[in-house]
Amino acid sequence: MDKPIPEPLELVGVRDVPADKYRTVKDLVAGTVGGWAQVVVGHPFDTLKVRLQTQPSPPLYTSALDCFQKTLSEGPSALYKGVVSPLFGVGICNAVLFSTNGMLRTLIGGHSDPARMTIQQHTLCGALSGAVISFVNCPVEGVKVVMQTQPKTGMGGAPRYRGVGHCAAEMYRVGGVRSLYRGLGITVVRDVPSFAAYFGTYEYLKRYLSSTTLDPTMALVISGGCAGIAAWIPCYPQDVVKSRIQSQPLPTHASSSVAELGMRRVVQEVWKLKGWRGFWTGFGMAVMRAFPANAATFVCYEMVIGALS
C-alpha cells in the first residue's frame, strides 16, 4: 500500500508528537507494562504448552484438554506455577525488546518514527532485536521451565524448589552461569526469526487496518494478536527443543554431574519418538495463548506511550 504507516499514537486516539530524547525511557516503561499484561493473560496457556512439550514417552497427557484437567487437579495455582519469574523477567525482557527495537529503528531508518519506515526495515529491526533479547530470555525462561515442569512433590513429599528465587539460586549454585544459560544457542535461533515476524506483521497489519473503518483500539488488538501468532510459526520447533534442553534434570550438588543432551541429541530424540509432529507438540496451545497475550501487550504498550507523551 502507498499509504504510510500511521503513528501508534494516532491509533489510540492521542495527538501525535515528534520523537524526543526520552523515547527510549518511554519504550522501557511501556514495554514493561506490556510485558506484565502479557504474563497475566498468557501464563496459564504457557504452563500447559511447556508441559505438553516436555512430557516423556509414553506421554502423560492425551490432549491439551487432558493436560489442563490434570494440571487443574493440582489446584488452580498450578496454572500459574513459575509466574514470578516471567512476571519479573518478561517485564524486563519487553522493556529491553521495545527499547532495543526503538534504537534500531533510529540506526537503520535514521529516525525512531515507525510511520517513515518500510515493512522490510521493521522486519530487520525485529530480527536484530531478537538476537539481543535472547540473552535476557534464556535465563528467565530457563527458570520458568524448571518450575513449570517440577513435579508436585519431590523426595520427602516436598518440591525441590520452594519458589522462583530459590530455583534460580539453586541452578546457579550447582552449575553457575552456564546452568542459567542452558539452551542459549537454540534460544537465539528461535528469537531471531520469531521477532522478525512479530514486528513485521504488527506494522503491516497496523498500516492495513488504519485504512479501514475499524475502531483504532480494535485495530491494535487484531494487529498485536496476529503478530503474536505469526511469531510462533517460524520458531515453534526451536521452542520445543529449547524447552526439552532446559527441562533436563540438574545435579543436586555442585560437585555432582548429570548427563545433559545438547541441541543435536535433543532434535534426534524428538524425531525418534514422534517424527516431525513432535516438533509441533503444544502448538495449538501456543497459538491460543499468543493472540490474547500479545493483543494485551501492544494495547498496553501503545496506551502507555500515549500517556507518557
C-alpha atoms as a PDB file:
ATOM      1  CA  MET A   1       0.000   0.000   0.000  1.00  0.00           C
ATOM      2  CA  ASP A   2       1.139   3.554  -0.747  1.00  0.00           C
ATOM      3  CA  LYS A   3      -0.456   4.969   2.371  1.00  0.00           C
ATOM      4  CA  PRO A   4       2.186   5.498   5.100  1.00  0.00           C
ATOM      5  CA  ILE A   5       2.005   3.609   8.361  1.00  0.00           C
ATOM      6  CA  PRO A   6       0.146   5.752  10.919  1.00  0.00           C
ATOM      7  CA  GLU A   7       1.840   6.667  14.139  1.00  0.00           C
ATOM      8  CA  PRO A   8       0.946   4.370  17.081  1.00  0.00           C
ATOM      9  CA  LEU A   9      -0.443   7.362  18.969  1.00  0.00           C
ATOM     10  CA  GLU A  10      -2.913   8.072  16.185  1.00  0.00           C
ATOM     11  CA  LEU A  11      -4.270   4.553  16.521  1.00  0.00           C
ATOM     12  CA  VAL A  12      -5.219   5.037  20.148  1.00  0.00           C
ATOM     13  CA  GLY A  13      -6.658   8.479  19.595  1.00  0.00           C
ATOM     14  CA  VAL A  14      -3.797  10.516  21.049  1.00  0.00           C
ATOM     15  CA  ARG A  15      -2.275  13.507  19.299  1.00  0.00           C
ATOM     16  CA  ASP A  16       0.988  12.647  17.527  1.00  0.00           C
ATOM     17  CA  VAL A  17       4.150  14.185  18.898  1.00  0.00           C
ATOM     18  CA  PRO A  18       7.662  14.260  17.487  1.00  0.00           C
ATOM     19  CA  ALA A  19      10.226  11.776  18.722  1.00  0.00           C
ATOM     20  CA  ASP A  20      12.148  13.141  21.689  1.00  0.00           C
ATOM     21  CA  LYS A  21      15.215  12.343  23.710  1.00  0.00           C
ATOM     22  CA  TYR A  22      13.089  10.474  26.258  1.00  0.00           C
ATOM     23  CA  ARG A  23      11.718   7.976  23.733  1.00  0.00           C
ATOM     24  CA  THR A  24      13.990   5.179  24.982  1.00  0.00           C
ATOM     25  CA  VAL A  25      12.794   5.716  28.552  1.00  0.00           C
ATOM     26  CA  LYS A  26       9.183   5.664  27.365  1.00  0.00           C
ATOM     27  CA  ASP A  27       9.847   2.412  25.482  1.00  0.00           C
ATOM     28  CA  LEU A  28      11.326   0.911  28.645  1.00  0.00           C
ATOM     29  CA  VAL A  29       8.305   1.833  30.765  1.00  0.00           C
ATOM     30  CA  ALA A  30       5.702   0.921  28.131  1.00  0.00           C
ATOM     31  CA  GLY A  31       7.481  -2.346  27.319  1.00  0.00           C
ATOM     32  CA  THR A  32       7.497  -3.304  30.988  1.00  0.00           C
ATOM     33  CA  VAL A  33       3.760  -2.685  31.388  1.00  0.00           C
ATOM     34  CA  GLY A  34       3.074  -4.551  28.142  1.00  0.00           C
ATOM     35  CA  GLY A  35       5.137  -7.471  29.415  1.00  0.00           C
ATOM     36  CA  TRP A  36       3.169  -7.644  32.679  1.00  0.00           C
ATOM     37  CA  ALA A  37      -0.096  -7.683  30.743  1.00  0.00           C
ATOM     38  CA  GLN A  38       1.238 -10.480  28.545  1.00  0.00           C
ATOM     39  CA  VAL A  39       2.115 -12.655  31.545  1.00  0.00           C
ATOM     40  CA  VAL A  40      -1.168 -12.154  33.398  1.00  0.00           C
ATOM     41  CA  VAL A  41      -3.160 -13.107  30.302  1.00  0.00           C
ATOM     42  CA  GLY A  42      -0.910 -15.783  28.852  1.00  0.00           C
ATOM     43  CA  HIS A  43       0.844 -17.693  31.645  1.00  0.00           C
ATOM     44  CA  PRO A  44      -1.776 -20.455  32.153  1.00  0.00           C
ATOM     45  CA  PHE A  45      -1.574 -21.274  28.435  1.00  0.00           C
ATOM     46  CA  ASP A  46       2.224 -21.236  28.633  1.00  0.00           C
ATOM     47  CA  THR A  47       2.256 -23.686  31.547  1.00  0.00           C
ATOM     48  CA  LEU A  48       0.163 -26.154  29.538  1.00  0.00           C
ATOM     49  CA  LYS A  49       2.331 -25.648  26.445  1.00  0.00           C
ATOM     50  CA  VAL A  50       5.546 -26.401  28.321  1.00  0.00           C
ATOM     51  CA  ARG A  51       4.071 -29.483  29.991  1.00  0.00           C
ATOM     52  CA  LEU A  52       2.911 -30.823  26.630  1.00  0.00           C
ATOM     53  CA  GLN A  53       6.323 -30.125  25.071  1.00  0.00           C
ATOM     54  CA  THR A  54       8.376 -31.781  27.790  1.00  0.00           C
ATOM     55  CA  GLN A  55       6.302 -34.854  28.671  1.00  0.00           C
ATOM     56  CA  PRO A  56       8.123 -38.197  28.470  1.00  0.00           C
ATOM     57  CA  SER A  57       7.303 -41.259  26.410  1.00  0.00           C
ATOM     58  CA  PRO A  58       4.751 -42.740  26.950  1.00  0.00           C
ATOM     59  CA  PRO A  59       3.063 -39.340  27.294  1.00  0.00           C
ATOM     60  CA  LEU A  60       1.442 -38.155  30.499  1.00  0.00           C
ATOM     61  CA  TYR A  61      -1.325 -36.278  28.651  1.00  0.00           C
ATOM     62  CA  THR A  62      -3.533 -37.479  25.812  1.00  0.00           C
ATOM     63  CA  SER A  63      -4.502 -33.970  24.703  1.00  0.00           C
ATOM     64  CA  ALA A  64      -4.354 -30.304  25.636  1.00  0.00           C
ATOM     65  CA  LEU A  65      -7.684 -30.696  27.456  1.00  0.00           C
ATOM     66  CA  ASP A  66      -6.343 -33.676  29.413  1.00  0.00           C
ATOM     67  CA  CYS A  67      -3.251 -31.636  30.303  1.00  0.00           C
ATOM     68  CA  PHE A  68      -5.476 -28.791  31.514  1.00  0.00           C
ATOM     69  CA  GLN A  69      -7.629 -31.092  33.648  1.00  0.00           C
ATOM     70  CA  LYS A  70      -4.656 -32.848  35.252  1.00  0.00           C
ATOM     71  CA  THR A  71      -2.871 -29.572  35.904  1.00  0.00           C
ATOM     72  CA  LEU A  72      -6.005 -28.078  37.408  1.00  0.00           C
ATOM     73  CA  SER A  73      -6.326 -31.131  39.690  1.00  0.00           C
ATOM     74  CA  GLU A  74      -3.188 -29.854  41.439  1.00  0.00           C
ATOM     75  CA  GLY A  75      -5.112 -26.693  42.281  1.00  0.00           C
ATOM     76  CA  PRO A  76      -5.853 -23.508  40.299  1.00  0.00           C
ATOM     77  CA  SER A  77      -2.472 -22.069  41.300  1.00  0.00           C
ATOM     78  CA  ALA A  78      -0.769 -24.833  39.290  1.00  0.00           C
ATOM     79  CA  LEU A  79      -1.637 -22.931  36.099  1.00  0.00           C
ATOM     80  CA  TYR A  80       0.477 -20.059  37.435  1.00  0.00           C
ATOM     81  CA  LYS A  81       3.465 -22.148  38.513  1.00  0.00           C
ATOM     82  CA  GLY A  82       6.655 -20.195  37.969  1.00  0.00           C
ATOM     83  CA  VAL A  83       4.731 -16.993  37.228  1.00  0.00           C
ATOM     84  CA  VAL A  84       7.010 -14.801  39.354  1.00  0.00           C
ATOM     85  CA  SER A  85       9.963 -15.407  37.034  1.00  0.00           C
ATOM     86  CA  PRO A  86       8.194 -14.243  33.848  1.00  0.00           C
ATOM     87  CA  LEU A  87       6.258 -11.505  35.691  1.00  0.00           C
ATOM     88  CA  PHE A  88       9.578 -10.032  36.727  1.00  0.00           C
ATOM     89  CA  GLY A  89      11.564 -11.287  33.756  1.00  0.00           C
ATOM     90  CA  VAL A  90       9.115 -10.626  30.918  1.00  0.00           C
ATOM     91  CA  GLY A  91       8.710  -7.070  32.156  1.00  0.00           C
ATOM     92  CA  ILE A  92      12.474  -6.671  31.805  1.00  0.00           C
ATOM     93  CA  CYS A  93      12.533  -8.637  28.544  1.00  0.00           C
ATOM     94  CA  ASN A  94       9.840  -6.494  26.958  1.00  0.00           C
ATOM     95  CA  ALA A  95      11.489  -3.314  28.224  1.00  0.00           C
ATOM     96  CA  VAL A  96      14.762  -4.401  26.595  1.00  0.00           C
ATOM     97  CA  LEU A  97      12.961  -5.636  23.476  1.00  0.00           C
ATOM     98  CA  PHE A  98      10.956  -2.486  22.758  1.00  0.00           C
ATOM     99  CA  SER A  99      13.743  -0.074  23.696  1.00  0.00           C
ATOM    100  CA  THR A 100      16.235  -2.034  21.566  1.00  0.00           C
ATOM    101  CA  ASN A 101      13.784  -2.060  18.695  1.00  0.00           C
ATOM    102  CA  GLY A 102      13.349   1.713  19.039  1.00  0.00           C
ATOM    103  CA  MET A 103      17.107   2.299  18.985  1.00  0.00           C
ATOM    104  CA  LEU A 104      17.481   0.026  15.959  1.00  0.00           C
ATOM    105  CA  ARG A 105      14.758   1.989  14.153  1.00  0.00           C
ATOM    106  CA  THR A 106      16.866   5.106  14.657  1.00  0.00           C
ATOM    107  CA  LEU A 107      20.013   3.312  13.500  1.00  0.00           C
ATOM    108  CA  ILE A 108      18.525   1.584  10.455  1.00  0.00           C
ATOM    109  CA  GLY A 109      15.811   4.031   9.434  1.00  0.00           C
ATOM    110  CA  GLY A 110      17.601   7.187  10.529  1.00  0.00           C
ATOM    111  CA  HIS A 111      14.748   8.036  12.954  1.00  0.00           C
ATOM    112  CA  SER A 112      12.506   6.346  15.516  1.00  0.00           C
ATOM    113  CA  ASP A 113       9.290   7.238  13.661  1.00  0.00           C
ATOM    114  CA  PRO A 114       7.711   3.906  12.575  1.00  0.00           C
ATOM    115  CA  ALA A 115       5.498   5.709  10.063  1.00  0.00           C
ATOM    116  CA  ARG A 116       8.515   6.608   7.933  1.00  0.00           C
ATOM    117  CA  MET A 117       9.972   3.111   7.760  1.00  0.00           C
ATOM    118  CA  THR A 118       9.295   0.266   5.341  1.00  0.00           C
ATOM    119  CA  ILE A 119       7.950  -3.098   6.469  1.00  0.00           C
ATOM    120  CA  GLN A 120      11.308  -4.612   5.469  1.00  0.00           C
ATOM    121  CA  GLN A 121      13.094  -2.244   7.844  1.00  0.00           C
ATOM    122  CA  HIS A 122      10.700  -3.121  10.670  1.00  0.00           C
ATOM    123  CA  THR A 123      11.309  -6.816   9.996  1.00  0.00           C
ATOM    124  CA  LEU A 124      15.097  -6.343  10.088  1.00  0.00           C
ATOM    125  CA  CYS A 125      14.860  -4.373  13.330  1.00  0.00           C
ATOM    126  CA  GLY A 126      12.763  -7.177  14.776  1.00  0.00           C
ATOM    127  CA  ALA A 127      15.329  -9.830  13.806  1.00  0.00           C
ATOM    128  CA  LEU A 128      18.196  -7.879  15.372  1.00  0.00           C
ATOM    129  CA  SER A 129      16.104  -7.187  18.471  1.00  0.00           C
ATOM    130  CA  GLY A 130      15.528 -10.943  18.733  1.00  0.00           C
ATOM    131  CA  ALA A 131      19.268 -11.604  18.730  1.00  0.00           C
ATOM    132  CA  VAL A 132      19.717  -9.152  21.620  1.00  0.00           C
ATOM    133  CA  ILE A 133      16.742 -10.273  23.695  1.00  0.00           C
ATOM    134  CA  SER A 134      17.839 -13.936  23.517  1.00  0.00           C
ATOM    135  CA  PHE A 135      20.450 -13.230  26.164  1.00  0.00           C
ATOM    136  CA  VAL A 136      17.729 -11.996  28.535  1.00  0.00           C
ATOM    137  CA  ASN A 137      15.083 -14.553  27.575  1.00  0.00           C
ATOM    138  CA  CYS A 138      17.285 -17.596  28.085  1.00  0.00           C
ATOM    139  CA  PRO A 139      17.826 -17.454  31.884  1.00  0.00           C
ATOM    140  CA  VAL A 140      14.317 -16.108  32.566  1.00  0.00           C
ATOM    141  CA  GLU A 141      12.654 -18.868  30.553  1.00  0.00           C
ATOM    142  CA  GLY A 142      15.082 -21.464  31.881  1.00  0.00           C
ATOM    143  CA  VAL A 143      13.948 -20.861  35.468  1.00  0.00           C
ATOM    144  CA  LYS A 144      10.296 -20.738  34.356  1.00  0.00           C
ATOM    145  CA  VAL A 145      10.551 -24.089  32.526  1.00  0.00           C
ATOM    146  CA  VAL A 146      12.178 -25.791  35.521  1.00  0.00           C
ATOM    147  CA  MET A 147       9.411 -24.508  37.811  1.00  0.00           C
ATOM    148  CA  GLN A 148       6.617 -25.418  35.383  1.00  0.00           C
ATOM    149  CA  THR A 149       7.842 -28.997  34.892  1.00  0.00           C
ATOM    150  CA  GLN A 150       8.714 -29.621  38.544  1.00  0.00           C
ATOM    151  CA  PRO A 151       6.623 -32.479  39.992  1.00  0.00           C
ATOM    152  CA  LYS A 152       4.084 -31.529  42.623  1.00  0.00           C
ATOM    153  CA  THR A 153       6.194 -33.237  45.281  1.00  0.00           C
ATOM    154  CA  GLY A 154       9.759 -34.440  45.392  1.00  0.00           C
ATOM    155  CA  MET A 155      11.748 -36.501  47.851  1.00  0.00           C
ATOM    156  CA  GLY A 156      10.228 -36.396  51.299  1.00  0.00           C
ATOM    157  CA  GLY A 157       6.968 -35.044  49.900  1.00  0.00           C
ATOM    158  CA  ALA A 158       8.295 -31.519  49.288  1.00  0.00           C
ATOM    159  CA  PRO A 159       9.179 -29.873  45.960  1.00  0.00           C
ATOM    160  CA  ARG A 160      12.865 -29.439  45.241  1.00  0.00           C
ATOM    161  CA  TYR A 161      12.428 -25.706  44.592  1.00  0.00           C
ATOM    162  CA  ARG A 162      10.412 -23.615  47.029  1.00  0.00           C
ATOM    163  CA  GLY A 163       9.960 -20.754  44.597  1.00  0.00           C
ATOM    164  CA  VAL A 164      11.408 -18.940  41.625  1.00  0.00           C
ATOM    165  CA  GLY A 165      14.151 -17.221  43.623  1.00  0.00           C
ATOM    166  CA  HIS A 166      15.179 -20.479  45.277  1.00  0.00           C
ATOM    167  CA  CYS A 167      15.151 -22.247  41.917  1.00  0.00           C
ATOM    168  CA  ALA A 168      17.399 -19.625  40.294  1.00  0.00           C
ATOM    169  CA  ALA A 169      19.771 -19.679  43.279  1.00  0.00           C
ATOM    170  CA  GLU A 170      19.989 -23.476  43.204  1.00  0.00           C
ATOM    171  CA  MET A 171      20.599 -23.525  39.447  1.00  0.00           C
ATOM    172  CA  TYR A 172      23.452 -21.067  39.923  1.00  0.00           C
ATOM    173  CA  ARG A 173      24.827 -22.974  42.914  1.00  0.00           C
ATOM    174  CA  VAL A 174      25.104 -26.315  41.127  1.00  0.00           C
ATOM    175  CA  GLY A 175      26.075 -25.071  37.670  1.00  0.00           C
ATOM    176  CA  GLY A 176      26.980 -21.404  37.772  1.00  0.00           C
ATOM    177  CA  VAL A 177      26.061 -19.065  34.934  1.00  0.00           C
ATOM    178  CA  ARG A 178      26.234 -21.962  32.475  1.00  0.00           C
ATOM    179  CA  SER A 179      23.305 -23.606  34.246  1.00  0.00           C
ATOM    180  CA  LEU A 180      21.154 -20.486  33.827  1.00  0.00           C
ATOM    181  CA  TYR A 181      22.122 -20.211  30.169  1.00  0.00           C
ATOM    182  CA  ARG A 182      21.317 -23.766  29.129  1.00  0.00           C
ATOM    183  CA  GLY A 183      19.841 -23.636  25.637  1.00  0.00           C
ATOM    184  CA  LEU A 184      21.220 -20.198  24.701  1.00  0.00           C
ATOM    185  CA  GLY A 185      22.134 -21.283  21.168  1.00  0.00           C
ATOM    186  CA  ILE A 186      18.664 -22.587  20.336  1.00  0.00           C
ATOM    187  CA  THR A 187      17.116 -19.522  22.010  1.00  0.00           C
ATOM    188  CA  VAL A 188      18.976 -17.261  19.558  1.00  0.00           C
ATOM    189  CA  VAL A 189      17.914 -19.490  16.638  1.00  0.00           C
ATOM    190  CA  ARG A 190      14.339 -19.215  17.887  1.00  0.00           C
ATOM    191  CA  ASP A 191      14.158 -15.496  18.660  1.00  0.00           C
ATOM    192  CA  VAL A 192      15.721 -14.035  15.503  1.00  0.00           C
ATOM    193  CA  PRO A 193      13.044 -15.286  13.042  1.00  0.00           C
ATOM    194  CA  SER A 194      10.333 -15.010  15.684  1.00  0.00           C
ATOM    195  CA  PHE A 195      10.740 -11.298  16.361  1.00  0.00           C
ATOM    196  CA  ALA A 196      11.334 -10.557  12.688  1.00  0.00           C
ATOM    197  CA  ALA A 197       7.854 -11.957  12.031  1.00  0.00           C
ATOM    198  CA  TYR A 198       6.484 -10.300  15.188  1.00  0.00           C
ATOM    199  CA  PHE A 199       7.333  -6.690  14.412  1.00  0.00           C
ATOM    200  CA  GLY A 200       6.969  -7.046  10.637  1.00  0.00           C
ATOM    201  CA  THR A 201       3.455  -8.470  10.946  1.00  0.00           C
ATOM    202  CA  TYR A 202       2.399  -5.919  13.548  1.00  0.00           C
ATOM    203  CA  GLU A 203       3.453  -2.920  11.479  1.00  0.00           C
ATOM    204  CA  TYR A 204       1.987  -4.369   8.270  1.00  0.00           C
ATOM    205  CA  LEU A 205      -1.423  -5.039   9.829  1.00  0.00           C
ATOM    206  CA  LYS A 206      -1.433  -1.698  11.615  1.00  0.00           C
ATOM    207  CA  ARG A 207      -0.878   0.013   8.262  1.00  0.00           C
ATOM    208  CA  TYR A 208      -3.573  -2.026   6.548  1.00  0.00           C
ATOM    209  CA  LEU A 209      -6.230  -1.701   9.267  1.00  0.00           C
ATOM    210  CA  SER A 210      -5.701   2.055   9.555  1.00  0.00           C
ATOM    211  CA  SER A 211      -7.215   2.412   6.093  1.00  0.00           C
ATOM    212  CA  THR A 212     -10.458   0.742   7.201  1.00  0.00           C
ATOM    213  CA  THR A 213     -13.312   1.940   9.388  1.00  0.00           C
ATOM    214  CA  LEU A 214     -12.295  -0.406  12.191  1.00  0.00           C
ATOM    215  CA  ASP A 215     -12.131   1.058  15.690  1.00  0.00           C
ATOM    216  CA  PRO A 216      -8.496   2.114  16.373  1.00  0.00           C
ATOM    217  CA  THR A 217      -8.220   0.145  19.613  1.00  0.00           C
ATOM    218  CA  MET A 218      -9.639  -2.954  17.940  1.00  0.00           C
ATOM    219  CA  ALA A 219      -7.059  -2.446  15.181  1.00  0.00           C
ATOM    220  CA  LEU A 220      -4.346  -2.680  17.851  1.00  0.00           C
ATOM    221  CA  VAL A 221      -5.944  -5.815  19.309  1.00  0.00           C
ATOM    222  CA  ILE A 222      -6.029  -7.552  15.924  1.00  0.00           C
ATOM    223  CA  SER A 223      -2.551  -6.374  14.887  1.00  0.00           C
ATOM    224  CA  GLY A 224      -0.977  -7.406  18.173  1.00  0.00           C
ATOM    225  CA  GLY A 225      -2.811 -10.727  18.397  1.00  0.00           C
ATOM    226  CA  CYS A 226      -1.979 -11.737  14.834  1.00  0.00           C
ATOM    227  CA  ALA A 227       1.639 -10.646  15.328  1.00  0.00           C
ATOM    228  CA  GLY A 228       1.831 -12.998  18.299  1.00  0.00           C
ATOM    229  CA  ILE A 229       0.582 -15.913  16.196  1.00  0.00           C
ATOM    230  CA  ALA A 230       2.921 -15.041  13.316  1.00  0.00           C
ATOM    231  CA  ALA A 231       5.874 -15.003  15.717  1.00  0.00           C
ATOM    232  CA  TRP A 232       5.366 -18.682  16.587  1.00  0.00           C
ATOM    233  CA  ILE A 233       5.203 -20.043  13.035  1.00  0.00           C
ATOM    234  CA  PRO A 234       8.921 -19.740  12.097  1.00  0.00           C
ATOM    235  CA  CYS A 235      10.200 -20.712  15.552  1.00  0.00           C
ATOM    236  CA  TYR A 236       7.984 -23.293  17.226  1.00  0.00           C
ATOM    237  CA  PRO A 237      10.196 -26.349  16.536  1.00  0.00           C
ATOM    238  CA  GLN A 238      13.123 -24.449  18.066  1.00  0.00           C
ATOM    239  CA  ASP A 239      10.995 -23.700  21.121  1.00  0.00           C
ATOM    240  CA  VAL A 240      10.224 -27.404  21.610  1.00  0.00           C
ATOM    241  CA  VAL A 241      13.942 -28.203  21.527  1.00  0.00           C
ATOM    242  CA  LYS A 242      14.709 -25.335  23.921  1.00  0.00           C
ATOM    243  CA  SER A 243      12.074 -26.470  26.424  1.00  0.00           C
ATOM    244  CA  ARG A 244      13.459 -30.014  26.417  1.00  0.00           C
ATOM    245  CA  ILE A 245      17.017 -28.796  26.914  1.00  0.00           C
ATOM    246  CA  GLN A 246      16.036 -26.514  29.785  1.00  0.00           C
ATOM    247  CA  SER A 247      13.804 -29.077  31.498  1.00  0.00           C
ATOM    248  CA  GLN A 248      16.567 -31.678  31.846  1.00  0.00           C
ATOM    249  CA  PRO A 249      17.353 -32.620  35.469  1.00  0.00           C
ATOM    250  CA  LEU A 250      20.011 -30.584  37.222  1.00  0.00           C
ATOM    251  CA  PRO A 251      22.644 -32.113  39.536  1.00  0.00           C
ATOM    252  CA  THR A 252      21.835 -31.892  43.226  1.00  0.00           C
ATOM    253  CA  HIS A 253      25.329 -30.732  44.209  1.00  0.00           C
ATOM    254  CA  ALA A 254      27.936 -28.566  42.539  1.00  0.00           C
ATOM    255  CA  SER A 255      30.403 -31.468  42.663  1.00  0.00           C
ATOM    256  CA  SER A 256      27.991 -33.947  41.049  1.00  0.00           C
ATOM    257  CA  SER A 257      27.056 -34.126  37.388  1.00  0.00           C
ATOM    258  CA  VAL A 258      24.116 -35.167  35.261  1.00  0.00           C
ATOM    259  CA  ALA A 259      24.500 -36.134  31.623  1.00  0.00           C
ATOM    260  CA  GLU A 260      22.784 -33.474  29.516  1.00  0.00           C
ATOM    261  CA  LEU A 261      21.654 -33.740  25.936  1.00  0.00           C
ATOM    262  CA  GLY A 262      22.779 -30.993  23.574  1.00  0.00           C
ATOM    263  CA  MET A 263      20.757 -29.405  20.803  1.00  0.00           C
ATOM    264  CA  ARG A 264      21.606 -32.086  18.220  1.00  0.00           C
ATOM    265  CA  ARG A 265      20.808 -35.001  20.541  1.00  0.00           C
ATOM    266  CA  VAL A 266      17.503 -33.442  21.602  1.00  0.00           C
ATOM    267  CA  VAL A 267      16.484 -32.968  17.953  1.00  0.00           C
ATOM    268  CA  GLN A 268      17.324 -36.625  17.270  1.00  0.00           C
ATOM    269  CA  GLU A 269      15.389 -37.734  20.356  1.00  0.00           C
ATOM    270  CA  VAL A 270      12.251 -35.788  19.401  1.00  0.00           C
ATOM    271  CA  TRP A 271      12.405 -37.108  15.825  1.00  0.00           C
ATOM    272  CA  LYS A 272      12.871 -40.692  17.027  1.00  0.00           C
ATOM    273  CA  LEU A 273       9.948 -40.507  19.448  1.00  0.00           C
ATOM    274  CA  LYS A 274       7.353 -38.625  17.371  1.00  0.00           C
ATOM    275  CA  GLY A 275       8.765 -37.726  13.969  1.00  0.00           C
ATOM    276  CA  TRP A 276       8.054 -34.255  12.579  1.00  0.00           C
ATOM    277  CA  ARG A 277       4.880 -33.987  14.667  1.00  0.00           C
ATOM    278  CA  GLY A 278       7.000 -33.961  17.799  1.00  0.00           C
ATOM    279  CA  PHE A 279       8.347 -30.543  16.887  1.00  0.00           C
ATOM    280  CA  TRP A 280       4.820 -29.108  16.877  1.00  0.00           C
ATOM    281  CA  THR A 281       3.561 -30.612  20.150  1.00  0.00           C
ATOM    282  CA  GLY A 282       1.558 -27.983  22.008  1.00  0.00           C
ATOM    283  CA  PHE A 283       1.412 -25.605  19.016  1.00  0.00           C
ATOM    284  CA  GLY A 284      -2.354 -25.199  19.343  1.00  0.00           C
ATOM    285  CA  MET A 285      -1.935 -24.132  22.963  1.00  0.00           C
ATOM    286  CA  ALA A 286       0.782 -21.650  21.973  1.00  0.00           C
ATOM    287  CA  VAL A 287      -1.487 -20.095  19.341  1.00  0.00           C
ATOM    288  CA  MET A 288      -4.394 -19.922  21.805  1.00  0.00           C
ATOM    289  CA  ARG A 289      -2.128 -18.006  24.169  1.00  0.00           C
ATOM    290  CA  ALA A 290      -0.488 -15.872  21.505  1.00  0.00           C
ATOM    291  CA  PHE A 291      -3.488 -13.855  20.385  1.00  0.00           C
ATOM    292  CA  PRO A 292      -4.845 -12.555  23.720  1.00  0.00           C
ATOM    293  CA  ALA A 293      -1.403 -12.245  25.342  1.00  0.00           C
ATOM    294  CA  ASN A 294       0.136 -10.190  22.542  1.00  0.00           C
ATOM    295  CA  ALA A 295      -3.013  -8.176  21.920  1.00  0.00           C
ATOM    296  CA  ALA A 296      -2.755  -7.150  25.591  1.00  0.00           C
ATOM    297  CA  THR A 297       0.959  -6.425  25.145  1.00  0.00           C
ATOM    298  CA  PHE A 298       0.582  -3.997  22.251  1.00  0.00           C
ATOM    299  CA  VAL A 299      -2.567  -2.293  23.521  1.00  0.00           C
ATOM    300  CA  CYS A 300      -0.909  -1.586  26.869  1.00  0.00           C
ATOM    301  CA  TYR A 301       2.358  -0.575  25.190  1.00  0.00           C
ATOM    302  CA  GLU A 302       0.695   1.913  22.854  1.00  0.00           C
ATOM    303  CA  MET A 303      -1.536   3.358  25.576  1.00  0.00           C
ATOM    304  CA  VAL A 304       1.375   3.885  27.957  1.00  0.00           C
ATOM    305  CA  ILE A 305       3.404   5.542  25.156  1.00  0.00           C
ATOM    306  CA  GLY A 306       0.429   7.806  24.559  1.00  0.00           C
ATOM    307  CA  ALA A 307       0.041   8.599  28.243  1.00  0.00           C
ATOM    308  CA  LEU A 308       3.744   9.470  28.588  1.00  0.00           C
ATOM    309  CA  SER A 309       3.814  11.708  25.526  1.00  0.00           C
END
